[in-house]
């Protein structure tokens, strides 16, 4: 990323600061990943497992300053025209006729749940002592975030809430989650982080892993993720194209993550399960393993 900033610095204000940030980021990551691993080092395990997701908060904030890195103009008009040519309407404007508080609250509840999905599912896996599955999940989520953030620079899209700001007849009506989400977006969202929808991509990553490892949790997460995905364009934060691309990118990132880890003989097609209190290492659920450990519970 730092190299891109250096090459396209004519499109970036304060390019030297961005370059320094990315250079420091690389140095820090290399230092962390080369630290010797101590199996009994609890703090070290926490740092190794979560450091990159924490760094992504800073990387996300950087995207607002680099939104015009490659393409120095907004592409919202072009994307809106494509959607109109395909659908015959602008989805977020059409949905104004369904501006019903109870519906708005449901979809904004799902949208707001995005901020807790990753940590909630991580805690569930930790409580089940499914550490391998947790590492799979965190790795895939971090990879998905990184890919989506980088795509922001190729598709500088601000979103329909900016493009159609003077066209909407009224704001969304709601009681709790509508104003709450509105406050969070106004105070925390990076301008230009719309294509693809990271909310959608990460929600799908969480949903796929929850169905893969903890089926009961998958049942609970499904209506939440459904509300979240619909909420991305229902709340006027994204074009419907952003949501679709976010969905596709999630599947691609999951497949790539599975393939990379599978190359190390740790693919999800050979899921490891833990027997709490007995085994610290994962047991591969092949036929021989199932015969020897018939009480293993993958859910």
C-alpha atoms as a PDB file:
ATOM      1  CA  UNK A   1       0.000   0.000   0.000  1.00  0.00           C
ATOM      2  CA  UNK A   2       2.848   2.362   0.817  1.00  0.00           C
ATOM      3  CA  UNK A   3       4.263   1.857  -2.687  1.00  0.00           C
ATOM      4  CA  UNK A   4       0.910   2.821  -4.225  1.00  0.00           C
ATOM      5  CA  UNK A   5       0.806   5.950  -2.071  1.00  0.00           C
ATOM      6  CA  UNK A   6       4.302   6.850  -3.253  1.00  0.00           C
ATOM      7  CA  UNK A   7       3.473   6.305  -6.934  1.00  0.00           C
ATOM      8  CA  UNK A   8       0.098   8.086  -6.856  1.00  0.00           C
ATOM      9  CA  UNK A   9       1.054  10.745  -4.326  1.00  0.00           C
ATOM     10  CA  UNK A  10      -0.266  13.474  -6.655  1.00  0.00           C
ATOM     11  CA  UNK A  11      -3.773  12.211  -5.800  1.00  0.00           C
ATOM     12  CA  UNK A  12      -3.201  12.154  -2.042  1.00  0.00           C
ATOM     13  CA  UNK A  13      -2.981  15.008   0.424  1.00  0.00           C
ATOM     14  CA  UNK A  14      -0.505  14.389   3.258  1.00  0.00           C
ATOM     15  CA  UNK A  15       0.877  11.489   1.256  1.00  0.00           C
ATOM     16  CA  UNK A  16       4.053  11.366   3.369  1.00  0.00           C
ATOM     17  CA  UNK A  17       2.027  10.617   6.514  1.00  0.00           C
ATOM     18  CA  UNK A  18       0.140   7.834   4.738  1.00  0.00           C
ATOM     19  CA  UNK A  19       3.396   6.378   3.453  1.00  0.00           C
ATOM     20  CA  UNK A  20       4.942   6.496   6.927  1.00  0.00           C
ATOM     21  CA  UNK A  21       1.853   4.856   8.434  1.00  0.00           C
ATOM     22  CA  UNK A  22       1.931   1.961   5.967  1.00  0.00           C
ATOM     23  CA  UNK A  23       5.686   1.510   6.324  1.00  0.00           C
ATOM     24  CA  UNK A  24       5.327   1.391  10.121  1.00  0.00           C
ATOM     25  CA  UNK A  25       2.467  -1.068   9.730  1.00  0.00           C
ATOM     26  CA  UNK A  26       4.619  -3.478   7.730  1.00  0.00           C
ATOM     27  CA  UNK A  27       7.450  -3.265  10.262  1.00  0.00           C
ATOM     28  CA  UNK A  28       5.060  -3.891  13.147  1.00  0.00           C
ATOM     29  CA  UNK A  29       3.377  -6.887  11.482  1.00  0.00           C
ATOM     30  CA  UNK A  30       6.729  -8.455  10.602  1.00  0.00           C
ATOM     31  CA  UNK A  31       7.865  -8.018  14.193  1.00  0.00           C
ATOM     32  CA  UNK A  32       4.714  -9.622  15.615  1.00  0.00           C
ATOM     33  CA  UNK A  33       4.682 -12.558  13.197  1.00  0.00           C
ATOM     34  CA  UNK A  34       8.346 -13.357  13.840  1.00  0.00           C
ATOM     35  CA  UNK A  35       7.991 -13.457  17.598  1.00  0.00           C
ATOM     36  CA  UNK A  36       8.777 -16.928  19.007  1.00  0.00           C
ATOM     37  CA  UNK A  37       5.600 -18.768  19.924  1.00  0.00           C
ATOM     38  CA  UNK A  38       5.206 -19.870  23.524  1.00  0.00           C
ATOM     39  CA  UNK A  39       2.273 -22.336  23.802  1.00  0.00           C
ATOM     40  CA  UNK A  40       1.745 -21.319  27.436  1.00  0.00           C
ATOM     41  CA  UNK A  41       1.935 -17.581  26.801  1.00  0.00           C
ATOM     42  CA  UNK A  42      -1.677 -16.459  27.190  1.00  0.00           C
ATOM     43  CA  UNK A  43      -0.993 -12.782  26.508  1.00  0.00           C
ATOM     44  CA  UNK A  44       1.124 -13.662  23.496  1.00  0.00           C
ATOM     45  CA  UNK A  45      -1.679 -15.836  22.096  1.00  0.00           C
ATOM     46  CA  UNK A  46      -4.149 -12.992  22.525  1.00  0.00           C
ATOM     47  CA  UNK A  47      -1.838 -10.535  20.771  1.00  0.00           C
ATOM     48  CA  UNK A  48      -1.092 -12.924  17.895  1.00  0.00           C
ATOM     49  CA  UNK A  49      -4.760 -13.740  17.423  1.00  0.00           C
ATOM     50  CA  UNK A  50      -6.266 -10.271  17.585  1.00  0.00           C
ATOM     51  CA  UNK A  51      -3.599  -7.734  16.680  1.00  0.00           C
ATOM     52  CA  UNK A  52      -4.462  -7.557  12.991  1.00  0.00           C
ATOM     53  CA  UNK A  53      -8.183  -7.054  13.542  1.00  0.00           C
ATOM     54  CA  UNK A  54      -7.308  -4.158  15.839  1.00  0.00           C
ATOM     55  CA  UNK A  55      -4.946  -2.725  13.216  1.00  0.00           C
ATOM     56  CA  UNK A  56      -7.797  -2.875  10.715  1.00  0.00           C
ATOM     57  CA  UNK A  57      -9.570  -0.125  12.671  1.00  0.00           C
ATOM     58  CA  UNK A  58      -6.703   2.217  11.797  1.00  0.00           C
ATOM     59  CA  UNK A  59      -6.454   0.910   8.236  1.00  0.00           C
ATOM     60  CA  UNK A  60     -10.178   1.601   7.789  1.00  0.00           C
ATOM     61  CA  UNK A  61      -9.802   5.186   8.991  1.00  0.00           C
ATOM     62  CA  UNK A  62      -7.013   5.627   6.448  1.00  0.00           C
ATOM     63  CA  UNK A  63      -9.317   4.674   3.560  1.00  0.00           C
ATOM     64  CA  UNK A  64     -11.142   8.008   3.835  1.00  0.00           C
ATOM     65  CA  UNK A  65      -7.935   9.902   3.084  1.00  0.00           C
ATOM     66  CA  UNK A  66      -6.976   7.605   0.212  1.00  0.00           C
ATOM     67  CA  UNK A  67     -10.362   7.258  -1.460  1.00  0.00           C
ATOM     68  CA  UNK A  68      -9.104   9.033  -4.608  1.00  0.00           C
ATOM     69  CA  UNK A  69      -5.771   7.203  -4.696  1.00  0.00           C
ATOM     70  CA  UNK A  70      -6.304   5.638  -8.127  1.00  0.00           C
ATOM     71  CA  UNK A  71      -9.444   7.325  -9.455  1.00  0.00           C
ATOM     72  CA  UNK A  72      -9.694  11.015  -8.472  1.00  0.00           C
ATOM     73  CA  UNK A  73     -13.494  11.343  -8.704  1.00  0.00           C
ATOM     74  CA  UNK A  74     -16.674   9.832  -7.304  1.00  0.00           C
ATOM     75  CA  UNK A  75     -18.290   7.093  -9.388  1.00  0.00           C
ATOM     76  CA  UNK A  76     -21.709   7.262  -7.715  1.00  0.00           C
ATOM     77  CA  UNK A  77     -23.496   8.728 -10.725  1.00  0.00           C
ATOM     78  CA  UNK A  78     -22.182   6.030 -13.021  1.00  0.00           C
ATOM     79  CA  UNK A  79     -23.137   3.234 -10.616  1.00  0.00           C
ATOM     80  CA  UNK A  80     -26.600   4.704 -10.013  1.00  0.00           C
ATOM     81  CA  UNK A  81     -27.143   4.908 -13.768  1.00  0.00           C
ATOM     82  CA  UNK A  82     -26.125   1.267 -14.221  1.00  0.00           C
ATOM     83  CA  UNK A  83     -28.587   0.176 -11.529  1.00  0.00           C
ATOM     84  CA  UNK A  84     -31.334   2.269 -13.101  1.00  0.00           C
ATOM     85  CA  UNK A  85     -30.657   0.785 -16.538  1.00  0.00           C
ATOM     86  CA  UNK A  86     -30.826  -2.755 -15.117  1.00  0.00           C
ATOM     87  CA  UNK A  87     -33.667  -2.363 -12.605  1.00  0.00           C
ATOM     88  CA  UNK A  88     -35.638   0.518 -14.068  1.00  0.00           C
ATOM     89  CA  UNK A  89     -35.510   2.359 -10.731  1.00  0.00           C
ATOM     90  CA  UNK A  90     -33.251   3.547  -7.959  1.00  0.00           C
ATOM     91  CA  UNK A  91     -33.731   0.943  -5.181  1.00  0.00           C
ATOM     92  CA  UNK A  92     -33.162   3.227  -2.199  1.00  0.00           C
ATOM     93  CA  UNK A  93     -35.600   5.821  -3.568  1.00  0.00           C
ATOM     94  CA  UNK A  94     -38.182   3.148  -4.370  1.00  0.00           C
ATOM     95  CA  UNK A  95     -37.955   1.790  -0.814  1.00  0.00           C
ATOM     96  CA  UNK A  96     -39.150   5.140   0.563  1.00  0.00           C
ATOM     97  CA  UNK A  97     -42.727   3.903   0.183  1.00  0.00           C
ATOM     98  CA  UNK A  98     -41.918   1.275   2.854  1.00  0.00           C
ATOM     99  CA  UNK A  99     -40.625   3.802   5.395  1.00  0.00           C
ATOM    100  CA  UNK A 100     -42.340   2.008   8.285  1.00  0.00           C
ATOM    101  CA  UNK A 101     -40.785   2.362  11.769  1.00  0.00           C
ATOM    102  CA  UNK A 102     -41.062  -1.317  12.750  1.00  0.00           C
ATOM    103  CA  UNK A 103     -39.394  -2.443   9.508  1.00  0.00           C
ATOM    104  CA  UNK A 104     -36.740   0.243   9.823  1.00  0.00           C
ATOM    105  CA  UNK A 105     -35.998  -0.838  13.391  1.00  0.00           C
ATOM    106  CA  UNK A 106     -35.577  -4.491  12.382  1.00  0.00           C
ATOM    107  CA  UNK A 107     -33.179  -3.744   9.546  1.00  0.00           C
ATOM    108  CA  UNK A 108     -31.225  -1.174  11.562  1.00  0.00           C
ATOM    109  CA  UNK A 109     -31.003  -3.644  14.460  1.00  0.00           C
ATOM    110  CA  UNK A 110     -29.328  -6.037  12.038  1.00  0.00           C
ATOM    111  CA  UNK A 111     -27.093  -3.292  10.689  1.00  0.00           C
ATOM    112  CA  UNK A 112     -26.051  -2.253  14.198  1.00  0.00           C
ATOM    113  CA  UNK A 113     -25.344  -5.894  15.126  1.00  0.00           C
ATOM    114  CA  UNK A 114     -22.429  -5.766  12.679  1.00  0.00           C
ATOM    115  CA  UNK A 115     -20.340  -4.031  15.328  1.00  0.00           C
ATOM    116  CA  UNK A 116     -20.704  -7.022  17.662  1.00  0.00           C
ATOM    117  CA  UNK A 117     -20.862 -10.012  15.311  1.00  0.00           C
ATOM    118  CA  UNK A 118     -17.162 -10.835  15.145  1.00  0.00           C
ATOM    119  CA  UNK A 119     -16.515 -10.516  18.864  1.00  0.00           C
ATOM    120  CA  UNK A 120     -19.723 -12.368  19.772  1.00  0.00           C
ATOM    121  CA  UNK A 121     -18.889 -15.345  17.595  1.00  0.00           C
ATOM    122  CA  UNK A 122     -15.258 -15.332  18.726  1.00  0.00           C
ATOM    123  CA  UNK A 123     -16.387 -15.531  22.357  1.00  0.00           C
ATOM    124  CA  UNK A 124     -18.682 -18.441  21.496  1.00  0.00           C
ATOM    125  CA  UNK A 125     -15.799 -20.353  19.910  1.00  0.00           C
ATOM    126  CA  UNK A 126     -13.527 -19.580  22.842  1.00  0.00           C
ATOM    127  CA  UNK A 127     -16.090 -20.835  25.341  1.00  0.00           C
ATOM    128  CA  UNK A 128     -16.336 -24.059  23.353  1.00  0.00           C
ATOM    129  CA  UNK A 129     -12.530 -24.269  23.314  1.00  0.00           C
ATOM    130  CA  UNK A 130     -12.599 -24.446  19.523  1.00  0.00           C
ATOM    131  CA  UNK A 131      -9.335 -22.581  19.096  1.00  0.00           C
ATOM    132  CA  UNK A 132      -8.486 -23.902  15.660  1.00  0.00           C
ATOM    133  CA  UNK A 133     -11.912 -22.882  14.366  1.00  0.00           C
ATOM    134  CA  UNK A 134     -11.440 -19.474  15.979  1.00  0.00           C
ATOM    135  CA  UNK A 135      -8.142 -18.997  14.170  1.00  0.00           C
ATOM    136  CA  UNK A 136      -9.775 -20.042  10.893  1.00  0.00           C
ATOM    137  CA  UNK A 137     -12.575 -17.548  11.462  1.00  0.00           C
ATOM    138  CA  UNK A 138     -10.354 -14.638  12.519  1.00  0.00           C
ATOM    139  CA  UNK A 139      -7.960 -15.235   9.623  1.00  0.00           C
ATOM    140  CA  UNK A 140     -10.777 -15.268   7.075  1.00  0.00           C
ATOM    141  CA  UNK A 141     -12.417 -12.185   8.580  1.00  0.00           C
ATOM    142  CA  UNK A 142      -9.139 -10.233   8.573  1.00  0.00           C
ATOM    143  CA  UNK A 143      -8.424 -11.256   4.977  1.00  0.00           C
ATOM    144  CA  UNK A 144     -11.936 -10.219   3.913  1.00  0.00           C
ATOM    145  CA  UNK A 145     -11.589  -6.838   5.597  1.00  0.00           C
ATOM    146  CA  UNK A 146      -8.258  -6.220   3.902  1.00  0.00           C
ATOM    147  CA  UNK A 147      -9.535  -7.132   0.431  1.00  0.00           C
ATOM    148  CA  UNK A 148     -12.648  -4.967   0.806  1.00  0.00           C
ATOM    149  CA  UNK A 149     -10.665  -1.989   2.080  1.00  0.00           C
ATOM    150  CA  UNK A 150      -8.289  -2.192  -0.853  1.00  0.00           C
ATOM    151  CA  UNK A 151     -11.199  -2.363  -3.291  1.00  0.00           C
ATOM    152  CA  UNK A 152     -12.457   0.976  -1.948  1.00  0.00           C
ATOM    153  CA  UNK A 153      -9.621   2.666  -3.819  1.00  0.00           C
ATOM    154  CA  UNK A 154     -10.684   1.203  -7.168  1.00  0.00           C
ATOM    155  CA  UNK A 155     -14.344   2.098  -6.655  1.00  0.00           C
ATOM    156  CA  UNK A 156     -14.677   5.495  -4.931  1.00  0.00           C
ATOM    157  CA  UNK A 157     -18.368   5.321  -4.041  1.00  0.00           C
ATOM    158  CA  UNK A 158     -19.813   7.620  -1.367  1.00  0.00           C
ATOM    159  CA  UNK A 159     -23.229   5.948  -1.295  1.00  0.00           C
ATOM    160  CA  UNK A 160     -26.847   6.880  -2.052  1.00  0.00           C
ATOM    161  CA  UNK A 161     -27.262   8.814   1.201  1.00  0.00           C
ATOM    162  CA  UNK A 162     -24.934  11.417  -0.338  1.00  0.00           C
ATOM    163  CA  UNK A 163     -25.940  11.150  -3.991  1.00  0.00           C
ATOM    164  CA  UNK A 164     -29.701  11.345  -3.355  1.00  0.00           C
ATOM    165  CA  UNK A 165     -29.462  13.542  -0.285  1.00  0.00           C
ATOM    166  CA  UNK A 166     -31.762  16.223  -1.739  1.00  0.00           C
ATOM    167  CA  UNK A 167     -34.132  13.741  -3.378  1.00  0.00           C
ATOM    168  CA  UNK A 168     -35.332  11.611  -0.454  1.00  0.00           C
ATOM    169  CA  UNK A 169     -38.659  12.918   0.785  1.00  0.00           C
ATOM    170  CA  UNK A 170     -38.005  12.093   4.435  1.00  0.00           C
ATOM    171  CA  UNK A 171     -35.427  10.397   6.680  1.00  0.00           C
ATOM    172  CA  UNK A 172     -35.988   6.890   7.996  1.00  0.00           C
ATOM    173  CA  UNK A 173     -38.456   6.797  10.869  1.00  0.00           C
ATOM    174  CA  UNK A 174     -37.585   4.767  13.950  1.00  0.00           C
ATOM    175  CA  UNK A 175     -37.375   4.700  17.714  1.00  0.00           C
ATOM    176  CA  UNK A 176     -34.037   3.288  18.874  1.00  0.00           C
ATOM    177  CA  UNK A 177     -31.821   1.619  16.299  1.00  0.00           C
ATOM    178  CA  UNK A 178     -32.571   4.064  13.485  1.00  0.00           C
ATOM    179  CA  UNK A 179     -31.198   7.096  15.386  1.00  0.00           C
ATOM    180  CA  UNK A 180     -28.452   4.969  16.946  1.00  0.00           C
ATOM    181  CA  UNK A 181     -27.144   3.769  13.580  1.00  0.00           C
ATOM    182  CA  UNK A 182     -27.473   7.277  12.171  1.00  0.00           C
ATOM    183  CA  UNK A 183     -25.293   8.617  14.994  1.00  0.00           C
ATOM    184  CA  UNK A 184     -22.642   5.918  14.530  1.00  0.00           C
ATOM    185  CA  UNK A 185     -22.478   6.425  10.764  1.00  0.00           C
ATOM    186  CA  UNK A 186     -22.230  10.200  11.020  1.00  0.00           C
ATOM    187  CA  UNK A 187     -19.430  10.022  13.576  1.00  0.00           C
ATOM    188  CA  UNK A 188     -17.479   6.926  12.583  1.00  0.00           C
ATOM    189  CA  UNK A 189     -17.886   6.033   8.908  1.00  0.00           C
ATOM    190  CA  UNK A 190     -15.097   6.742   6.441  1.00  0.00           C
ATOM    191  CA  UNK A 191     -16.241   8.649   3.387  1.00  0.00           C
ATOM    192  CA  UNK A 192     -16.009   6.458   0.323  1.00  0.00           C
ATOM    193  CA  UNK A 193     -16.063   3.057   2.022  1.00  0.00           C
ATOM    194  CA  UNK A 194     -19.089   1.721   0.153  1.00  0.00           C
ATOM    195  CA  UNK A 195     -17.994  -0.575  -2.676  1.00  0.00           C
ATOM    196  CA  UNK A 196     -17.990  -3.380  -1.722  1.00  0.00           C
ATOM    197  CA  UNK A 197     -20.186  -3.447   1.378  1.00  0.00           C
ATOM    198  CA  UNK A 198     -17.871  -4.575   4.161  1.00  0.00           C
ATOM    199  CA  UNK A 199     -20.897  -5.020   6.424  1.00  0.00           C
ATOM    200  CA  UNK A 200     -22.292  -7.598   4.015  1.00  0.00           C
ATOM    201  CA  UNK A 201     -18.968  -9.337   3.430  1.00  0.00           C
ATOM    202  CA  UNK A 202     -18.129  -9.752   7.114  1.00  0.00           C
ATOM    203  CA  UNK A 203     -21.686 -10.762   8.011  1.00  0.00           C
ATOM    204  CA  UNK A 204     -21.545 -13.553   5.431  1.00  0.00           C
ATOM    205  CA  UNK A 205     -18.144 -14.679   6.745  1.00  0.00           C
ATOM    206  CA  UNK A 206     -19.595 -14.898  10.257  1.00  0.00           C
ATOM    207  CA  UNK A 207     -22.703 -16.712   9.025  1.00  0.00           C
ATOM    208  CA  UNK A 208     -20.802 -19.273   6.956  1.00  0.00           C
ATOM    209  CA  UNK A 209     -18.444 -20.082   9.815  1.00  0.00           C
ATOM    210  CA  UNK A 210     -21.276 -20.286  12.337  1.00  0.00           C
ATOM    211  CA  UNK A 211     -23.126 -22.799  10.159  1.00  0.00           C
ATOM    212  CA  UNK A 212     -19.889 -24.639   9.505  1.00  0.00           C
ATOM    213  CA  UNK A 213     -18.762 -25.037  13.119  1.00  0.00           C
ATOM    214  CA  UNK A 214     -21.733 -24.299  15.404  1.00  0.00           C
ATOM    215  CA  UNK A 215     -25.014 -25.096  13.688  1.00  0.00           C
ATOM    216  CA  UNK A 216     -27.231 -23.867  16.532  1.00  0.00           C
ATOM    217  CA  UNK A 217     -25.510 -20.498  16.502  1.00  0.00           C
ATOM    218  CA  UNK A 218     -26.042 -20.388  12.745  1.00  0.00           C
ATOM    219  CA  UNK A 219     -29.800 -20.604  13.291  1.00  0.00           C
ATOM    220  CA  UNK A 220     -29.638 -17.616  15.639  1.00  0.00           C
ATOM    221  CA  UNK A 221     -27.371 -15.548  13.395  1.00  0.00           C
ATOM    222  CA  UNK A 222     -29.357 -16.117  10.184  1.00  0.00           C
ATOM    223  CA  UNK A 223     -32.206 -13.613  10.813  1.00  0.00           C
ATOM    224  CA  UNK A 224     -29.688 -11.106  12.175  1.00  0.00           C
ATOM    225  CA  UNK A 225     -27.439 -11.367   9.119  1.00  0.00           C
ATOM    226  CA  UNK A 226     -30.482 -11.214   6.825  1.00  0.00           C
ATOM    227  CA  UNK A 227     -31.532  -7.941   8.463  1.00  0.00           C
ATOM    228  CA  UNK A 228     -27.971  -6.641   8.259  1.00  0.00           C
ATOM    229  CA  UNK A 229     -27.581  -7.379   4.551  1.00  0.00           C
ATOM    230  CA  UNK A 230     -30.938  -5.836   3.634  1.00  0.00           C
ATOM    231  CA  UNK A 231     -30.208  -2.955   5.992  1.00  0.00           C
ATOM    232  CA  UNK A 232     -27.157  -1.918   3.977  1.00  0.00           C
ATOM    233  CA  UNK A 233     -29.340  -0.492   1.205  1.00  0.00           C
ATOM    234  CA  UNK A 234     -32.567  -0.143   3.207  1.00  0.00           C
ATOM    235  CA  UNK A 235     -30.747   2.411   5.355  1.00  0.00           C
ATOM    236  CA  UNK A 236     -29.428   4.190   2.221  1.00  0.00           C
ATOM    237  CA  UNK A 237     -25.815   3.514   3.147  1.00  0.00           C
ATOM    238  CA  UNK A 238     -25.076   1.413   0.073  1.00  0.00           C
ATOM    239  CA  UNK A 239     -26.217   0.891  -3.466  1.00  0.00           C
ATOM    240  CA  UNK A 240     -27.643  -2.570  -3.964  1.00  0.00           C
ATOM    241  CA  UNK A 241     -24.604  -3.277  -6.164  1.00  0.00           C
ATOM    242  CA  UNK A 242     -22.331  -2.680  -3.160  1.00  0.00           C
ATOM    243  CA  UNK A 243     -24.254  -5.308  -1.231  1.00  0.00           C
ATOM    244  CA  UNK A 244     -24.119  -7.865  -4.031  1.00  0.00           C
ATOM    245  CA  UNK A 245     -20.387  -7.354  -4.549  1.00  0.00           C
ATOM    246  CA  UNK A 246     -19.836  -7.616  -0.783  1.00  0.00           C
ATOM    247  CA  UNK A 247     -21.671 -10.948  -0.768  1.00  0.00           C
ATOM    248  CA  UNK A 248     -19.587 -12.262  -3.670  1.00  0.00           C
ATOM    249  CA  UNK A 249     -16.318 -11.041  -2.148  1.00  0.00           C
ATOM    250  CA  UNK A 250     -17.133 -12.833   1.109  1.00  0.00           C
ATOM    251  CA  UNK A 251     -17.538 -16.140  -0.711  1.00  0.00           C
ATOM    252  CA  UNK A 252     -14.345 -15.584  -2.695  1.00  0.00           C
ATOM    253  CA  UNK A 253     -12.348 -14.706   0.434  1.00  0.00           C
ATOM    254  CA  UNK A 254     -13.711 -17.756   2.262  1.00  0.00           C
ATOM    255  CA  UNK A 255     -12.726 -20.028  -0.614  1.00  0.00           C
ATOM    256  CA  UNK A 256      -9.244 -18.501  -0.851  1.00  0.00           C
ATOM    257  CA  UNK A 257      -8.709 -18.715   2.921  1.00  0.00           C
ATOM    258  CA  UNK A 258      -9.828 -22.341   2.934  1.00  0.00           C
ATOM    259  CA  UNK A 259      -7.500 -23.125   0.053  1.00  0.00           C
ATOM    260  CA  UNK A 260      -4.489 -21.419   1.651  1.00  0.00           C
ATOM    261  CA  UNK A 261      -4.993 -23.136   5.000  1.00  0.00           C
ATOM    262  CA  UNK A 262      -5.860 -26.384   3.223  1.00  0.00           C
ATOM    263  CA  UNK A 263      -2.454 -26.290   1.555  1.00  0.00           C
ATOM    264  CA  UNK A 264      -1.054 -26.674   5.070  1.00  0.00           C
ATOM    265  CA  UNK A 265      -3.250 -29.742   5.639  1.00  0.00           C
ATOM    266  CA  UNK A 266      -5.579 -27.716   7.841  1.00  0.00           C
ATOM    267  CA  UNK A 267      -8.481 -27.237   5.459  1.00  0.00           C
ATOM    268  CA  UNK A 268     -12.048 -26.876   6.701  1.00  0.00           C
ATOM    269  CA  UNK A 269     -12.962 -30.059   4.833  1.00  0.00           C
ATOM    270  CA  UNK A 270     -11.045 -31.854   7.622  1.00  0.00           C
ATOM    271  CA  UNK A 271     -12.591 -30.014  10.532  1.00  0.00           C
ATOM    272  CA  UNK A 272     -10.834 -30.328  13.883  1.00  0.00           C
ATOM    273  CA  UNK A 273     -12.942 -30.680  17.000  1.00  0.00           C
ATOM    274  CA  UNK A 274     -11.883 -30.455  20.630  1.00  0.00           C
ATOM    275  CA  UNK A 275     -12.775 -32.656  23.543  1.00  0.00           C
ATOM    276  CA  UNK A 276     -12.741 -30.082  26.382  1.00  0.00           C
ATOM    277  CA  UNK A 277     -10.392 -30.818  29.243  1.00  0.00           C
ATOM    278  CA  UNK A 278      -8.597 -33.692  27.505  1.00  0.00           C
ATOM    279  CA  UNK A 279      -7.036 -32.593  24.245  1.00  0.00           C
ATOM    280  CA  UNK A 280      -5.281 -29.327  23.538  1.00  0.00           C
ATOM    281  CA  UNK A 281      -4.512 -30.273  19.963  1.00  0.00           C
ATOM    282  CA  UNK A 282      -7.298 -30.620  17.386  1.00  0.00           C
ATOM    283  CA  UNK A 283      -8.553 -34.073  16.475  1.00  0.00           C
ATOM    284  CA  UNK A 284      -9.210 -34.508  12.772  1.00  0.00           C
ATOM    285  CA  UNK A 285     -12.714 -35.817  12.233  1.00  0.00           C
ATOM    286  CA  UNK A 286     -11.870 -38.683   9.880  1.00  0.00           C
ATOM    287  CA  UNK A 287     -13.445 -42.139  10.207  1.00  0.00           C
ATOM    288  CA  UNK A 288     -10.775 -43.490  12.515  1.00  0.00           C
ATOM    289  CA  UNK A 289     -11.058 -40.453  14.750  1.00  0.00           C
ATOM    290  CA  UNK A 290     -14.839 -40.748  14.923  1.00  0.00           C
ATOM    291  CA  UNK A 291     -14.564 -44.377  16.026  1.00  0.00           C
ATOM    292  CA  UNK A 292     -12.071 -43.499  18.746  1.00  0.00           C
ATOM    293  CA  UNK A 293     -13.830 -40.390  19.973  1.00  0.00           C
ATOM    294  CA  UNK A 294     -17.519 -41.056  19.440  1.00  0.00           C
ATOM    295  CA  UNK A 295     -18.558 -38.416  21.940  1.00  0.00           C
ATOM    296  CA  UNK A 296     -17.106 -35.480  20.040  1.00  0.00           C
ATOM    297  CA  UNK A 297     -19.754 -32.827  19.477  1.00  0.00           C
ATOM    298  CA  UNK A 298     -19.144 -30.608  16.426  1.00  0.00           C
ATOM    299  CA  UNK A 299     -22.021 -28.305  17.344  1.00  0.00           C
END
